[in-house]
Amino acid sequence: MKTNSHKRIWTVLQGVLFLLYACASTQMEKAESTNGAAYNRRGIDYVKRGEYDQAILNFSKALEIYPSYAEAYVNRGHAYNMKGEFDLAIWDCEKALEINAKDHLAYYHRGIAYTMSGRSDQAILDFSKALEINPGYAKAHVNRANAYNRKGEYDQAILDCSKALEINARDYLAFSNRGYAYAMKGLYDQAILDFSKVLEIDPNYGIAYYSRGLAYYYKREYSKSWDDISKARDLGYQVSSDIFEFLERLRRERTKEFFY
């Protein structure tokens, strides 16, 4: 379970680490119809509750009333992203950009759709454009880091996550993505520090326990690895059966390696 297994396990994990942010709303123009705005707000509420089909219906109704409502296109694009309908999300974000070419959220959500559909280079361009328009938008740094991680450009990912943390020192996804990049570079001590920071912010984040457990595993600190991976499993996160069974055997046999 060396090089190939190591890369496979971390690559699978990195896909899970990519978590979408909640949609941020932009300021509505004075010209917007009151009813259209009401449908848009209702759609946002449905998104927050995870009822994406209902959200899409409401954003669509808003657009029937006010066809140039860029925010409703962006919000509907976000809902499509959450459903995994990435081509529809891209279409909506492009419509929003036809209306307002400076809409950083349209670039941001299109970047997410590109990332999730395997188009990392296009995603990086969109996140970069979002940051040109709004340099303080930490989420764009975090998601650009994720795209860089997917391309194996770990140094760039680390830079983006560090920048995000300058803007928001409690951004657990920035720590998580940077920890992943460190782990893929074999810098396990730095990775452990970042995953530990994630757990300070959210003590019940199973992915972080598993990630830190993997870092300990590759450092051959099997007792600590067992503690973290068991905790991740208790929290409902699906862990690698090969690693879990190996650690369980060491623990059961009470070997020297386990207590190293």
C-alpha atoms as a PDB file:
ATOM      1  CA  MET A   1       0.000   0.000   0.000  1.00  0.00           C
ATOM      2  CA  LYS A   2       2.672   2.448  -1.061  1.00  0.00           C
ATOM      3  CA  THR A   3       2.864   5.000  -3.895  1.00  0.00           C
ATOM      4  CA  ASN A   4      -0.110   4.040  -6.089  1.00  0.00           C
ATOM      5  CA  SER A   5      -2.370   3.244  -3.151  1.00  0.00           C
ATOM      6  CA  HIS A   6      -1.289   6.444  -1.410  1.00  0.00           C
ATOM      7  CA  LYS A   7      -2.215   8.586  -4.418  1.00  0.00           C
ATOM      8  CA  ARG A   8      -5.485   6.735  -4.978  1.00  0.00           C
ATOM      9  CA  ILE A   9      -6.627   7.150  -1.372  1.00  0.00           C
ATOM     10  CA  TRP A  10      -5.757  10.840  -1.205  1.00  0.00           C
ATOM     11  CA  THR A  11      -7.292  11.498  -4.635  1.00  0.00           C
ATOM     12  CA  VAL A  12     -10.592   9.903  -3.598  1.00  0.00           C
ATOM     13  CA  LEU A  13     -10.533  11.941  -0.408  1.00  0.00           C
ATOM     14  CA  GLN A  14      -9.821  15.176  -2.274  1.00  0.00           C
ATOM     15  CA  GLY A  15     -12.959  14.676  -4.300  1.00  0.00           C
ATOM     16  CA  VAL A  16     -14.941  14.481  -1.078  1.00  0.00           C
ATOM     17  CA  LEU A  17     -13.215  17.518   0.391  1.00  0.00           C
ATOM     18  CA  PHE A  18     -14.665  19.647  -2.325  1.00  0.00           C
ATOM     19  CA  LEU A  19     -17.618  21.054  -0.547  1.00  0.00           C
ATOM     20  CA  LEU A  20     -19.818  23.783  -2.144  1.00  0.00           C
ATOM     21  CA  TYR A  21     -20.432  27.003  -0.214  1.00  0.00           C
ATOM     22  CA  ALA A  22     -23.896  28.370   0.382  1.00  0.00           C
ATOM     23  CA  CYS A  23     -24.951  30.857  -2.269  1.00  0.00           C
ATOM     24  CA  ALA A  24     -24.312  34.494  -1.408  1.00  0.00           C
ATOM     25  CA  SER A  25     -26.885  36.950  -2.732  1.00  0.00           C
ATOM     26  CA  THR A  26     -26.061  40.149  -4.597  1.00  0.00           C
ATOM     27  CA  GLN A  27     -27.757  43.521  -4.197  1.00  0.00           C
ATOM     28  CA  MET A  28     -30.947  43.726  -6.256  1.00  0.00           C
ATOM     29  CA  GLU A  29     -31.441  46.527  -8.754  1.00  0.00           C
ATOM     30  CA  LYS A  30     -34.178  49.053  -8.063  1.00  0.00           C
ATOM     31  CA  ALA A  31     -35.833  48.149 -11.367  1.00  0.00           C
ATOM     32  CA  GLU A  32     -36.570  44.555 -10.295  1.00  0.00           C
ATOM     33  CA  SER A  33     -40.147  43.534  -9.951  1.00  0.00           C
ATOM     34  CA  THR A  34     -41.321  43.129  -6.352  1.00  0.00           C
ATOM     35  CA  ASN A  35     -42.900  39.777  -7.159  1.00  0.00           C
ATOM     36  CA  GLY A  36     -39.757  38.583  -8.927  1.00  0.00           C
ATOM     37  CA  ALA A  37     -37.701  39.497  -5.875  1.00  0.00           C
ATOM     38  CA  ALA A  38     -40.125  37.603  -3.659  1.00  0.00           C
ATOM     39  CA  TYR A  39     -39.747  34.439  -5.745  1.00  0.00           C
ATOM     40  CA  ASN A  40     -35.973  34.877  -5.666  1.00  0.00           C
ATOM     41  CA  ARG A  41     -35.950  35.177  -1.878  1.00  0.00           C
ATOM     42  CA  ARG A  42     -38.191  32.144  -1.569  1.00  0.00           C
ATOM     43  CA  GLY A  43     -35.833  30.217  -3.838  1.00  0.00           C
ATOM     44  CA  ILE A  44     -32.891  31.136  -1.603  1.00  0.00           C
ATOM     45  CA  ASP A  45     -34.792  29.811   1.405  1.00  0.00           C
ATOM     46  CA  TYR A  46     -35.408  26.517  -0.406  1.00  0.00           C
ATOM     47  CA  VAL A  47     -31.696  26.257  -1.247  1.00  0.00           C
ATOM     48  CA  LYS A  48     -30.815  26.705   2.427  1.00  0.00           C
ATOM     49  CA  ARG A  49     -33.159  23.842   3.273  1.00  0.00           C
ATOM     50  CA  GLY A  50     -31.687  21.630   0.560  1.00  0.00           C
ATOM     51  CA  GLU A  51     -34.923  21.609  -1.468  1.00  0.00           C
ATOM     52  CA  TYR A  52     -33.286  22.327  -4.795  1.00  0.00           C
ATOM     53  CA  ASP A  53     -36.163  21.440  -7.116  1.00  0.00           C
ATOM     54  CA  GLN A  54     -38.435  23.875  -5.313  1.00  0.00           C
ATOM     55  CA  ALA A  55     -35.672  26.479  -5.383  1.00  0.00           C
ATOM     56  CA  ILE A  56     -35.300  26.096  -9.144  1.00  0.00           C
ATOM     57  CA  LEU A  57     -39.045  26.497  -9.658  1.00  0.00           C
ATOM     58  CA  ASN A  58     -39.016  29.752  -7.707  1.00  0.00           C
ATOM     59  CA  PHE A  59     -35.950  31.170  -9.458  1.00  0.00           C
ATOM     60  CA  SER A  60     -37.557  30.264 -12.796  1.00  0.00           C
ATOM     61  CA  LYS A  61     -40.735  32.081 -11.768  1.00  0.00           C
ATOM     62  CA  ALA A  62     -38.672  35.134 -10.853  1.00  0.00           C
ATOM     63  CA  LEU A  63     -37.119  35.047 -14.320  1.00  0.00           C
ATOM     64  CA  GLU A  64     -40.518  34.783 -16.004  1.00  0.00           C
ATOM     65  CA  ILE A  65     -41.492  38.017 -14.273  1.00  0.00           C
ATOM     66  CA  TYR A  66     -38.145  39.749 -14.750  1.00  0.00           C
ATOM     67  CA  PRO A  67     -36.070  38.117 -17.554  1.00  0.00           C
ATOM     68  CA  SER A  68     -33.026  40.342 -16.912  1.00  0.00           C
ATOM     69  CA  TYR A  69     -32.743  39.327 -13.251  1.00  0.00           C
ATOM     70  CA  ALA A  70     -29.048  38.324 -13.136  1.00  0.00           C
ATOM     71  CA  GLU A  71     -29.133  37.309  -9.490  1.00  0.00           C
ATOM     72  CA  ALA A  72     -31.914  34.793 -10.124  1.00  0.00           C
ATOM     73  CA  TYR A  73     -29.833  33.191 -12.898  1.00  0.00           C
ATOM     74  CA  VAL A  74     -26.843  32.919 -10.547  1.00  0.00           C
ATOM     75  CA  ASN A  75     -28.958  31.494  -7.742  1.00  0.00           C
ATOM     76  CA  ARG A  76     -30.612  28.986 -10.055  1.00  0.00           C
ATOM     77  CA  GLY A  77     -27.148  28.031 -11.320  1.00  0.00           C
ATOM     78  CA  HIS A  78     -26.095  27.368  -7.735  1.00  0.00           C
ATOM     79  CA  ALA A  79     -29.140  25.153  -7.202  1.00  0.00           C
ATOM     80  CA  TYR A  80     -28.320  23.206 -10.364  1.00  0.00           C
ATOM     81  CA  ASN A  81     -24.752  22.764  -9.071  1.00  0.00           C
ATOM     82  CA  MET A  82     -26.099  21.332  -5.849  1.00  0.00           C
ATOM     83  CA  LYS A  83     -28.167  18.850  -7.883  1.00  0.00           C
ATOM     84  CA  GLY A  84     -25.132  17.884  -9.967  1.00  0.00           C
ATOM     85  CA  GLU A  85     -26.633  19.351 -13.152  1.00  0.00           C
ATOM     86  CA  PHE A  86     -23.490  21.217 -14.121  1.00  0.00           C
ATOM     87  CA  ASP A  87     -24.265  22.035 -17.759  1.00  0.00           C
ATOM     88  CA  LEU A  88     -27.469  23.779 -16.696  1.00  0.00           C
ATOM     89  CA  ALA A  89     -25.525  25.643 -14.013  1.00  0.00           C
ATOM     90  CA  ILE A  90     -23.005  26.823 -16.602  1.00  0.00           C
ATOM     91  CA  TRP A  91     -25.800  27.982 -18.916  1.00  0.00           C
ATOM     92  CA  ASP A  92     -27.418  30.014 -16.124  1.00  0.00           C
ATOM     93  CA  CYS A  93     -24.152  31.640 -15.087  1.00  0.00           C
ATOM     94  CA  GLU A  94     -23.437  32.573 -18.694  1.00  0.00           C
ATOM     95  CA  LYS A  95     -26.873  34.186 -18.963  1.00  0.00           C
ATOM     96  CA  ALA A  96     -26.106  36.184 -15.818  1.00  0.00           C
ATOM     97  CA  LEU A  97     -22.797  37.336 -17.330  1.00  0.00           C
ATOM     98  CA  GLU A  98     -24.569  38.482 -20.499  1.00  0.00           C
ATOM     99  CA  ILE A  99     -26.591  40.776 -18.239  1.00  0.00           C
ATOM    100  CA  ASN A 100     -23.737  41.796 -15.928  1.00  0.00           C
ATOM    101  CA  ALA A 101     -20.191  40.984 -17.031  1.00  0.00           C
ATOM    102  CA  LYS A 102     -18.867  42.040 -13.610  1.00  0.00           C
ATOM    103  CA  ASP A 103     -20.899  39.560 -11.574  1.00  0.00           C
ATOM    104  CA  HIS A 104     -18.219  37.786  -9.542  1.00  0.00           C
ATOM    105  CA  LEU A 105     -20.718  35.236  -8.221  1.00  0.00           C
ATOM    106  CA  ALA A 106     -21.600  34.150 -11.755  1.00  0.00           C
ATOM    107  CA  TYR A 107     -17.913  33.429 -12.425  1.00  0.00           C
ATOM    108  CA  TYR A 108     -17.617  31.734  -9.032  1.00  0.00           C
ATOM    109  CA  HIS A 109     -20.548  29.346  -9.497  1.00  0.00           C
ATOM    110  CA  ARG A 110     -19.584  28.606 -13.103  1.00  0.00           C
ATOM    111  CA  GLY A 111     -16.112  27.797 -11.777  1.00  0.00           C
ATOM    112  CA  ILE A 112     -17.648  25.294  -9.372  1.00  0.00           C
ATOM    113  CA  ALA A 113     -19.601  23.690 -12.218  1.00  0.00           C
ATOM    114  CA  TYR A 114     -16.436  23.460 -14.298  1.00  0.00           C
ATOM    115  CA  THR A 115     -14.505  21.931 -11.386  1.00  0.00           C
ATOM    116  CA  MET A 116     -17.146  19.343 -10.629  1.00  0.00           C
ATOM    117  CA  SER A 117     -17.432  18.368 -14.300  1.00  0.00           C
ATOM    118  CA  GLY A 118     -13.672  17.847 -14.590  1.00  0.00           C
ATOM    119  CA  ARG A 119     -12.736  21.078 -16.366  1.00  0.00           C
ATOM    120  CA  SER A 120     -10.185  22.384 -13.880  1.00  0.00           C
ATOM    121  CA  ASP A 121      -8.419  24.784 -16.250  1.00  0.00           C
ATOM    122  CA  GLN A 122     -11.662  26.583 -17.076  1.00  0.00           C
ATOM    123  CA  ALA A 123     -12.559  26.598 -13.393  1.00  0.00           C
ATOM    124  CA  ILE A 124      -9.272  28.285 -12.502  1.00  0.00           C
ATOM    125  CA  LEU A 125      -9.910  30.981 -15.103  1.00  0.00           C
ATOM    126  CA  ASP A 126     -13.362  31.658 -13.648  1.00  0.00           C
ATOM    127  CA  PHE A 127     -12.213  31.772 -10.026  1.00  0.00           C
ATOM    128  CA  SER A 128      -9.399  34.093 -11.098  1.00  0.00           C
ATOM    129  CA  LYS A 129     -11.919  36.358 -12.827  1.00  0.00           C
ATOM    130  CA  ALA A 130     -14.090  36.387  -9.703  1.00  0.00           C
ATOM    131  CA  LEU A 131     -11.044  37.466  -7.708  1.00  0.00           C
ATOM    132  CA  GLU A 132     -10.210  40.228 -10.186  1.00  0.00           C
ATOM    133  CA  ILE A 133     -13.669  41.644  -9.583  1.00  0.00           C
ATOM    134  CA  ASN A 134     -13.757  40.961  -5.826  1.00  0.00           C
ATOM    135  CA  PRO A 135     -10.221  40.402  -4.435  1.00  0.00           C
ATOM    136  CA  GLY A 136     -11.538  39.800  -0.929  1.00  0.00           C
ATOM    137  CA  TYR A 137     -13.747  36.865  -1.876  1.00  0.00           C
ATOM    138  CA  ALA A 138     -12.108  34.110   0.168  1.00  0.00           C
ATOM    139  CA  LYS A 139     -14.351  31.358  -1.191  1.00  0.00           C
ATOM    140  CA  ALA A 140     -12.943  31.874  -4.683  1.00  0.00           C
ATOM    141  CA  HIS A 141      -9.424  31.320  -3.319  1.00  0.00           C
ATOM    142  CA  VAL A 142     -10.521  28.101  -1.585  1.00  0.00           C
ATOM    143  CA  ASN A 143     -12.263  26.711  -4.646  1.00  0.00           C
ATOM    144  CA  ARG A 144      -9.428  27.705  -6.964  1.00  0.00           C
ATOM    145  CA  ALA A 145      -7.168  25.792  -4.570  1.00  0.00           C
ATOM    146  CA  ASN A 146      -9.405  22.784  -5.000  1.00  0.00           C
ATOM    147  CA  ALA A 147      -9.078  23.046  -8.779  1.00  0.00           C
ATOM    148  CA  TYR A 148      -5.301  23.294  -8.437  1.00  0.00           C
ATOM    149  CA  ASN A 149      -5.325  20.235  -6.167  1.00  0.00           C
ATOM    150  CA  ARG A 150      -7.234  18.311  -8.810  1.00  0.00           C
ATOM    151  CA  LYS A 151      -4.524  19.222 -11.336  1.00  0.00           C
ATOM    152  CA  GLY A 152      -1.763  18.202  -8.930  1.00  0.00           C
ATOM    153  CA  GLU A 153      -0.508  21.791  -8.620  1.00  0.00           C
ATOM    154  CA  TYR A 154      -0.182  21.632  -4.851  1.00  0.00           C
ATOM    155  CA  ASP A 155       2.037  24.677  -4.320  1.00  0.00           C
ATOM    156  CA  GLN A 156      -0.544  26.882  -6.043  1.00  0.00           C
ATOM    157  CA  ALA A 157      -3.272  25.313  -3.904  1.00  0.00           C
ATOM    158  CA  ILE A 158      -1.299  26.070  -0.740  1.00  0.00           C
ATOM    159  CA  LEU A 159      -0.859  29.701  -1.790  1.00  0.00           C
ATOM    160  CA  ASP A 160      -4.581  30.101  -2.447  1.00  0.00           C
ATOM    161  CA  CYS A 161      -5.601  28.535   0.859  1.00  0.00           C
ATOM    162  CA  SER A 162      -3.115  30.681   2.765  1.00  0.00           C
ATOM    163  CA  LYS A 163      -4.547  33.762   1.053  1.00  0.00           C
ATOM    164  CA  ALA A 164      -8.074  32.702   1.989  1.00  0.00           C
ATOM    165  CA  LEU A 165      -6.979  32.324   5.605  1.00  0.00           C
ATOM    166  CA  GLU A 166      -5.596  35.857   5.597  1.00  0.00           C
ATOM    167  CA  ILE A 167      -9.123  36.974   4.732  1.00  0.00           C
ATOM    168  CA  ASN A 168     -10.952  34.544   7.028  1.00  0.00           C
ATOM    169  CA  ALA A 169      -8.831  32.855   9.670  1.00  0.00           C
ATOM    170  CA  ARG A 170     -11.604  30.376  10.529  1.00  0.00           C
ATOM    171  CA  ASP A 171     -12.264  29.046   7.046  1.00  0.00           C
ATOM    172  CA  TYR A 172     -12.179  25.325   7.769  1.00  0.00           C
ATOM    173  CA  LEU A 173     -12.277  24.407   4.075  1.00  0.00           C
ATOM    174  CA  ALA A 174      -9.141  26.463   3.477  1.00  0.00           C
ATOM    175  CA  PHE A 175      -7.358  24.489   6.194  1.00  0.00           C
ATOM    176  CA  SER A 176      -8.785  21.240   4.810  1.00  0.00           C
ATOM    177  CA  ASN A 177      -7.720  21.878   1.211  1.00  0.00           C
ATOM    178  CA  ARG A 178      -4.290  23.101   2.300  1.00  0.00           C
ATOM    179  CA  GLY A 179      -3.897  20.026   4.493  1.00  0.00           C
ATOM    180  CA  TYR A 180      -4.694  17.847   1.518  1.00  0.00           C
ATOM    181  CA  ALA A 181      -2.086  19.650  -0.614  1.00  0.00           C
ATOM    182  CA  TYR A 182       0.549  19.236   2.109  1.00  0.00           C
ATOM    183  CA  ALA A 183      -0.291  15.529   2.415  1.00  0.00           C
ATOM    184  CA  MET A 184       0.038  14.998  -1.320  1.00  0.00           C
ATOM    185  CA  LYS A 185       3.494  16.614  -1.146  1.00  0.00           C
ATOM    186  CA  GLY A 186       4.411  14.213   1.667  1.00  0.00           C
ATOM    187  CA  LEU A 187       4.513  17.054   4.219  1.00  0.00           C
ATOM    188  CA  TYR A 188       2.510  15.156   6.805  1.00  0.00           C
ATOM    189  CA  ASP A 189       3.370  17.271   9.840  1.00  0.00           C
ATOM    190  CA  GLN A 190       2.008  20.409   8.145  1.00  0.00           C
ATOM    191  CA  ALA A 191      -1.021  18.439   6.980  1.00  0.00           C
ATOM    192  CA  ILE A 192      -1.709  17.233  10.527  1.00  0.00           C
ATOM    193  CA  LEU A 193      -1.540  20.802  11.826  1.00  0.00           C
ATOM    194  CA  ASP A 194      -4.088  21.935   9.237  1.00  0.00           C
ATOM    195  CA  PHE A 195      -6.481  19.048   9.810  1.00  0.00           C
ATOM    196  CA  SER A 196      -6.199  19.652  13.558  1.00  0.00           C
ATOM    197  CA  LYS A 197      -7.169  23.268  12.948  1.00  0.00           C
ATOM    198  CA  VAL A 198     -10.224  22.087  11.027  1.00  0.00           C
ATOM    199  CA  LEU A 199     -11.241  20.022  14.056  1.00  0.00           C
ATOM    200  CA  GLU A 200     -10.816  22.981  16.392  1.00  0.00           C
ATOM    201  CA  ILE A 201     -13.370  24.807  14.260  1.00  0.00           C
ATOM    202  CA  ASP A 202     -15.670  21.801  13.728  1.00  0.00           C
ATOM    203  CA  PRO A 203     -15.032  18.908  16.142  1.00  0.00           C
ATOM    204  CA  ASN A 204     -17.522  16.659  14.341  1.00  0.00           C
ATOM    205  CA  TYR A 205     -16.075  16.954  10.843  1.00  0.00           C
ATOM    206  CA  GLY A 206     -15.480  13.291   9.990  1.00  0.00           C
ATOM    207  CA  ILE A 207     -13.452  13.970   6.841  1.00  0.00           C
ATOM    208  CA  ALA A 208     -10.864  15.867   8.877  1.00  0.00           C
ATOM    209  CA  TYR A 209     -10.451  12.962  11.312  1.00  0.00           C
ATOM    210  CA  TYR A 210      -9.980  10.599   8.399  1.00  0.00           C
ATOM    211  CA  SER A 211      -7.570  12.955   6.643  1.00  0.00           C
ATOM    212  CA  ARG A 212      -5.479  13.411   9.766  1.00  0.00           C
ATOM    213  CA  GLY A 213      -5.642   9.668  10.379  1.00  0.00           C
ATOM    214  CA  LEU A 214      -4.237   9.035   6.904  1.00  0.00           C
ATOM    215  CA  ALA A 215      -1.411  11.492   7.550  1.00  0.00           C
ATOM    216  CA  TYR A 216      -0.564   9.674  10.783  1.00  0.00           C
ATOM    217  CA  TYR A 217      -0.808   6.370   8.918  1.00  0.00           C
ATOM    218  CA  TYR A 218       1.772   7.409   6.341  1.00  0.00           C
ATOM    219  CA  LYS A 219       3.998   8.628   9.187  1.00  0.00           C
ATOM    220  CA  ARG A 220       3.637   5.128  10.686  1.00  0.00           C
ATOM    221  CA  GLU A 221       2.092   6.554  13.834  1.00  0.00           C
ATOM    222  CA  TYR A 222      -0.470   3.804  13.837  1.00  0.00           C
ATOM    223  CA  SER A 223      -1.983   4.339  17.273  1.00  0.00           C
ATOM    224  CA  LYS A 224      -2.886   7.956  16.456  1.00  0.00           C
ATOM    225  CA  SER A 225      -4.063   6.863  13.025  1.00  0.00           C
ATOM    226  CA  TRP A 226      -6.360   4.272  14.590  1.00  0.00           C
ATOM    227  CA  ASP A 227      -7.861   6.852  16.957  1.00  0.00           C
ATOM    228  CA  ASP A 228      -8.650   9.294  14.158  1.00  0.00           C
ATOM    229  CA  ILE A 229      -9.882   6.802  11.589  1.00  0.00           C
ATOM    230  CA  SER A 230     -12.080   5.096  14.198  1.00  0.00           C
ATOM    231  CA  LYS A 231     -13.528   8.491  15.122  1.00  0.00           C
ATOM    232  CA  ALA A 232     -14.232   9.246  11.464  1.00  0.00           C
ATOM    233  CA  ARG A 233     -15.990   5.901  11.160  1.00  0.00           C
ATOM    234  CA  ASP A 234     -18.047   6.568  14.291  1.00  0.00           C
ATOM    235  CA  LEU A 235     -19.146   9.859  12.734  1.00  0.00           C
ATOM    236  CA  GLY A 236     -20.421   7.981   9.690  1.00  0.00           C
ATOM    237  CA  TYR A 237     -17.571   8.654   7.270  1.00  0.00           C
ATOM    238  CA  GLN A 238     -16.728   5.718   5.006  1.00  0.00           C
ATOM    239  CA  VAL A 239     -13.066   4.855   5.518  1.00  0.00           C
ATOM    240  CA  SER A 240     -10.673   2.681   3.530  1.00  0.00           C
ATOM    241  CA  SER A 241     -11.353  -0.926   4.542  1.00  0.00           C
ATOM    242  CA  ASP A 242      -7.729  -1.913   3.776  1.00  0.00           C
ATOM    243  CA  ILE A 243      -6.304   0.670   6.158  1.00  0.00           C
ATOM    244  CA  PHE A 244      -8.912   0.070   8.844  1.00  0.00           C
ATOM    245  CA  GLU A 245      -8.363  -3.692   8.790  1.00  0.00           C
ATOM    246  CA  PHE A 246      -4.574  -3.256   8.881  1.00  0.00           C
ATOM    247  CA  LEU A 247      -4.776  -0.953  11.913  1.00  0.00           C
ATOM    248  CA  GLU A 248      -7.312  -3.202  13.603  1.00  0.00           C
ATOM    249  CA  ARG A 249      -4.980  -6.171  13.166  1.00  0.00           C
ATOM    250  CA  LEU A 250      -2.036  -4.247  14.641  1.00  0.00           C
ATOM    251  CA  ARG A 251      -4.159  -3.149  17.580  1.00  0.00           C
ATOM    252  CA  ARG A 252      -5.515  -6.666  18.151  1.00  0.00           C
ATOM    253  CA  GLU A 253      -2.044  -8.178  18.035  1.00  0.00           C
ATOM    254  CA  ARG A 254      -0.676  -5.361  20.226  1.00  0.00           C
ATOM    255  CA  THR A 255       2.403  -5.113  18.023  1.00  0.00           C
ATOM    256  CA  LYS A 256       5.341  -2.812  18.621  1.00  0.00           C
ATOM    257  CA  GLU A 257       4.478  -0.927  15.438  1.00  0.00           C
ATOM    258  CA  PHE A 258       1.088   0.027  16.845  1.00  0.00           C
ATOM    259  CA  PHE A 259       2.629   1.597  19.932  1.00  0.00           C
ATOM    260  CA  TYR A 260       5.502   3.285  18.068  1.00  0.00           C
END
